[in-house]
Amino acid sequence: MTRGRCAWYIFNRMVEYRDAVLDRTLAALADPTRRAIIKRLERGPARVTELAEPFDISLNAVSKHLRVLERAGLMRRSVRGRDHYCALDAGPMRAASEWIEHYRAFWEGRLDALEQFLSHEGQQKQRRRR
């Protein structure tokens, strides 16, 4: 393998890793139950049983949601005795927010350019009518 090819391979693997992290983050945030759990964790760490209280689903179902959040890196779990405590880790949300912001800025720029173009076209049509 040539040096340039190796660098491309490493860069490509980094992009794939970043994409996989973003995919897991967005998939985890797509579910309203998981978003509610994250909202609760904003106030601070909580036991799994506390997190399960507001939901009309089994503790097993809540545990599955927590595993999705853990795999996405949005939550950390610690065990103290028999209690499992969960805490929010917002790092992956920052990366998702940056990705969304990039495309928001891109589309706002495109829409601004379209608005200018349409405004210019409208002015030209008015001049031709006179």
C-alpha atoms as a PDB file:
ATOM      1  CA  MET A   1       0.000   0.000   0.000  1.00  0.00           C
ATOM      2  CA  THR A   2       1.368   3.410  -0.870  1.00  0.00           C
ATOM      3  CA  ARG A   3       1.599   6.136   1.715  1.00  0.00           C
ATOM      4  CA  GLY A   4      -1.126   8.256   0.009  1.00  0.00           C
ATOM      5  CA  ARG A   5      -3.444   5.297  -0.173  1.00  0.00           C
ATOM      6  CA  CYS A   6      -2.922   4.522   3.511  1.00  0.00           C
ATOM      7  CA  ALA A   7      -3.795   8.088   4.470  1.00  0.00           C
ATOM      8  CA  TRP A   8      -6.963   7.869   2.355  1.00  0.00           C
ATOM      9  CA  TYR A   9      -7.912   4.615   4.056  1.00  0.00           C
ATOM     10  CA  ILE A  10      -7.415   6.124   7.524  1.00  0.00           C
ATOM     11  CA  PHE A  11      -9.388   9.241   6.563  1.00  0.00           C
ATOM     12  CA  ASN A  12     -12.168   7.107   5.088  1.00  0.00           C
ATOM     13  CA  ARG A  13     -12.345   5.016   8.277  1.00  0.00           C
ATOM     14  CA  MET A  14     -12.576   8.234  10.351  1.00  0.00           C
ATOM     15  CA  VAL A  15     -15.466   9.464   8.189  1.00  0.00           C
ATOM     16  CA  GLU A  16     -17.199   6.084   8.506  1.00  0.00           C
ATOM     17  CA  TYR A  17     -16.726   6.170  12.286  1.00  0.00           C
ATOM     18  CA  ARG A  18     -18.102   9.724  12.518  1.00  0.00           C
ATOM     19  CA  ASP A  19     -21.054   8.731  10.337  1.00  0.00           C
ATOM     20  CA  ALA A  20     -21.743   5.668  12.501  1.00  0.00           C
ATOM     21  CA  VAL A  21     -21.706   7.794  15.670  1.00  0.00           C
ATOM     22  CA  LEU A  22     -24.046  10.337  14.066  1.00  0.00           C
ATOM     23  CA  ASP A  23     -26.352   7.543  12.855  1.00  0.00           C
ATOM     24  CA  ARG A  24     -26.569   6.022  16.346  1.00  0.00           C
ATOM     25  CA  THR A  25     -27.152   9.435  17.933  1.00  0.00           C
ATOM     26  CA  LEU A  26     -29.937  10.437  15.562  1.00  0.00           C
ATOM     27  CA  ALA A  27     -31.561   6.987  15.771  1.00  0.00           C
ATOM     28  CA  ALA A  28     -31.515   7.159  19.576  1.00  0.00           C
ATOM     29  CA  LEU A  29     -33.024  10.648  19.557  1.00  0.00           C
ATOM     30  CA  ALA A  30     -35.752   9.625  17.090  1.00  0.00           C
ATOM     31  CA  ASP A  31     -37.773   7.859  19.776  1.00  0.00           C
ATOM     32  CA  PRO A  32     -40.017   9.975  22.062  1.00  0.00           C
ATOM     33  CA  THR A  33     -39.451   7.687  25.076  1.00  0.00           C
ATOM     34  CA  ARG A  34     -35.689   8.066  24.780  1.00  0.00           C
ATOM     35  CA  ARG A  35     -36.008  11.834  24.361  1.00  0.00           C
ATOM     36  CA  ALA A  36     -38.114  11.935  27.554  1.00  0.00           C
ATOM     37  CA  ILE A  37     -35.446   9.925  29.378  1.00  0.00           C
ATOM     38  CA  ILE A  38     -32.772  12.359  28.177  1.00  0.00           C
ATOM     39  CA  LYS A  39     -34.921  15.288  29.298  1.00  0.00           C
ATOM     40  CA  ARG A  40     -35.171  13.738  32.771  1.00  0.00           C
ATOM     41  CA  LEU A  41     -31.409  13.113  32.874  1.00  0.00           C
ATOM     42  CA  GLU A  42     -30.787  16.816  32.199  1.00  0.00           C
ATOM     43  CA  ARG A  43     -31.735  17.395  35.846  1.00  0.00           C
ATOM     44  CA  GLY A  44     -29.077  14.940  37.024  1.00  0.00           C
ATOM     45  CA  PRO A  45     -28.357  11.233  37.438  1.00  0.00           C
ATOM     46  CA  ALA A  46     -31.250   8.904  38.243  1.00  0.00           C
ATOM     47  CA  ARG A  47     -31.853   5.268  39.105  1.00  0.00           C
ATOM     48  CA  VAL A  48     -33.309   3.094  36.362  1.00  0.00           C
ATOM     49  CA  THR A  49     -36.478   2.601  38.410  1.00  0.00           C
ATOM     50  CA  GLU A  50     -36.903   6.390  38.687  1.00  0.00           C
ATOM     51  CA  LEU A  51     -36.510   6.753  34.934  1.00  0.00           C
ATOM     52  CA  ALA A  52     -39.130   4.045  34.343  1.00  0.00           C
ATOM     53  CA  GLU A  53     -41.793   5.578  36.640  1.00  0.00           C
ATOM     54  CA  PRO A  54     -43.483   7.987  34.196  1.00  0.00           C
ATOM     55  CA  PHE A  55     -43.833   5.411  31.406  1.00  0.00           C
ATOM     56  CA  ASP A  56     -46.629   2.921  30.924  1.00  0.00           C
ATOM     57  CA  ILE A  57     -44.187   0.263  29.726  1.00  0.00           C
ATOM     58  CA  SER A  58     -42.333  -2.553  31.435  1.00  0.00           C
ATOM     59  CA  LEU A  59     -39.014  -2.083  33.217  1.00  0.00           C
ATOM     60  CA  ASN A  60     -37.558  -4.432  30.607  1.00  0.00           C
ATOM     61  CA  ALA A  61     -38.717  -2.088  27.808  1.00  0.00           C
ATOM     62  CA  VAL A  62     -37.188   0.909  29.595  1.00  0.00           C
ATOM     63  CA  SER A  63     -33.931  -1.052  29.958  1.00  0.00           C
ATOM     64  CA  LYS A  64     -33.894  -1.626  26.200  1.00  0.00           C
ATOM     65  CA  HIS A  65     -34.284   2.118  25.613  1.00  0.00           C
ATOM     66  CA  LEU A  66     -31.436   2.764  28.059  1.00  0.00           C
ATOM     67  CA  ARG A  67     -29.184   0.330  26.181  1.00  0.00           C
ATOM     68  CA  VAL A  68     -29.861   2.222  22.935  1.00  0.00           C
ATOM     69  CA  LEU A  69     -28.910   5.480  24.668  1.00  0.00           C
ATOM     70  CA  GLU A  70     -25.763   3.852  26.084  1.00  0.00           C
ATOM     71  CA  ARG A  71     -24.710   2.473  22.681  1.00  0.00           C
ATOM     72  CA  ALA A  72     -25.183   5.941  21.196  1.00  0.00           C
ATOM     73  CA  GLY A  73     -22.949   7.357  23.943  1.00  0.00           C
ATOM     74  CA  LEU A  74     -25.746   9.610  25.214  1.00  0.00           C
ATOM     75  CA  MET A  75     -25.845   8.037  28.657  1.00  0.00           C
ATOM     76  CA  ARG A  76     -23.464   6.478  31.177  1.00  0.00           C
ATOM     77  CA  ARG A  77     -24.489   3.852  33.695  1.00  0.00           C
ATOM     78  CA  SER A  78     -22.878   3.154  37.053  1.00  0.00           C
ATOM     79  CA  VAL A  79     -23.763   0.480  39.559  1.00  0.00           C
ATOM     80  CA  ARG A  80     -23.857   1.097  43.306  1.00  0.00           C
ATOM     81  CA  GLY A  81     -24.913  -1.994  45.169  1.00  0.00           C
ATOM     82  CA  ARG A  82     -28.119  -3.169  43.520  1.00  0.00           C
ATOM     83  CA  ASP A  83     -28.973   0.229  42.051  1.00  0.00           C
ATOM     84  CA  HIS A  84     -28.109   1.224  38.501  1.00  0.00           C
ATOM     85  CA  TYR A  85     -27.643   4.972  38.073  1.00  0.00           C
ATOM     86  CA  CYS A  86     -27.815   6.677  34.704  1.00  0.00           C
ATOM     87  CA  ALA A  87     -26.277  10.018  33.775  1.00  0.00           C
ATOM     88  CA  LEU A  88     -26.520  12.097  30.628  1.00  0.00           C
ATOM     89  CA  ASP A  89     -23.523  12.464  28.320  1.00  0.00           C
ATOM     90  CA  ALA A  90     -24.339  15.235  25.841  1.00  0.00           C
ATOM     91  CA  GLY A  91     -21.162  14.882  23.750  1.00  0.00           C
ATOM     92  CA  PRO A  92     -22.768  13.008  20.845  1.00  0.00           C
ATOM     93  CA  MET A  93     -25.620  15.543  20.779  1.00  0.00           C
ATOM     94  CA  ARG A  94     -23.077  18.333  20.268  1.00  0.00           C
ATOM     95  CA  ALA A  95     -21.678  16.508  17.234  1.00  0.00           C
ATOM     96  CA  ALA A  96     -25.208  16.003  15.845  1.00  0.00           C
ATOM     97  CA  SER A  97     -26.003  19.658  16.490  1.00  0.00           C
ATOM     98  CA  GLU A  98     -22.878  20.737  14.598  1.00  0.00           C
ATOM     99  CA  TRP A  99     -23.868  18.511  11.663  1.00  0.00           C
ATOM    100  CA  ILE A 100     -27.402  19.960  11.636  1.00  0.00           C
ATOM    101  CA  GLU A 101     -26.042  23.510  11.961  1.00  0.00           C
ATOM    102  CA  HIS A 102     -23.765  22.977   8.955  1.00  0.00           C
ATOM    103  CA  TYR A 103     -26.729  22.023   6.786  1.00  0.00           C
ATOM    104  CA  ARG A 104     -28.969  24.739   8.246  1.00  0.00           C
ATOM    105  CA  ALA A 105     -26.398  27.360   7.257  1.00  0.00           C
ATOM    106  CA  PHE A 106     -26.016  25.736   3.832  1.00  0.00           C
ATOM    107  CA  TRP A 107     -29.758  25.760   3.129  1.00  0.00           C
ATOM    108  CA  GLU A 108     -30.249  29.270   4.495  1.00  0.00           C
ATOM    109  CA  GLY A 109     -27.558  30.469   2.094  1.00  0.00           C
ATOM    110  CA  ARG A 110     -29.226  28.645  -0.785  1.00  0.00           C
ATOM    111  CA  LEU A 111     -32.643  30.024   0.102  1.00  0.00           C
ATOM    112  CA  ASP A 112     -31.248  33.556   0.425  1.00  0.00           C
ATOM    113  CA  ALA A 113     -29.705  33.209  -3.044  1.00  0.00           C
ATOM    114  CA  LEU A 114     -33.034  31.937  -4.414  1.00  0.00           C
ATOM    115  CA  GLU A 115     -34.856  34.873  -2.812  1.00  0.00           C
ATOM    116  CA  GLN A 116     -32.431  37.331  -4.412  1.00  0.00           C
ATOM    117  CA  PHE A 117     -32.779  35.634  -7.775  1.00  0.00           C
ATOM    118  CA  LEU A 118     -36.588  35.668  -7.654  1.00  0.00           C
ATOM    119  CA  SER A 119     -36.603  39.290  -6.493  1.00  0.00           C
ATOM    120  CA  HIS A 120     -34.307  40.246  -9.382  1.00  0.00           C
ATOM    121  CA  GLU A 121     -36.481  38.305 -11.856  1.00  0.00           C
ATOM    122  CA  GLY A 122     -39.605  40.032 -10.522  1.00  0.00           C
ATOM    123  CA  GLN A 123     -38.010  43.455 -10.952  1.00  0.00           C
ATOM    124  CA  GLN A 124     -37.021  42.621 -14.533  1.00  0.00           C
ATOM    125  CA  LYS A 125     -40.575  41.501 -15.356  1.00  0.00           C
ATOM    126  CA  GLN A 126     -41.981  44.759 -13.954  1.00  0.00           C
ATOM    127  CA  ARG A 127     -39.550  46.794 -16.095  1.00  0.00           C
ATOM    128  CA  ARG A 128     -40.557  44.903 -19.245  1.00  0.00           C
ATOM    129  CA  ARG A 129     -44.251  45.602 -18.590  1.00  0.00           C
ATOM    130  CA  ARG A 130     -43.685  49.372 -18.413  1.00  0.00           C
END
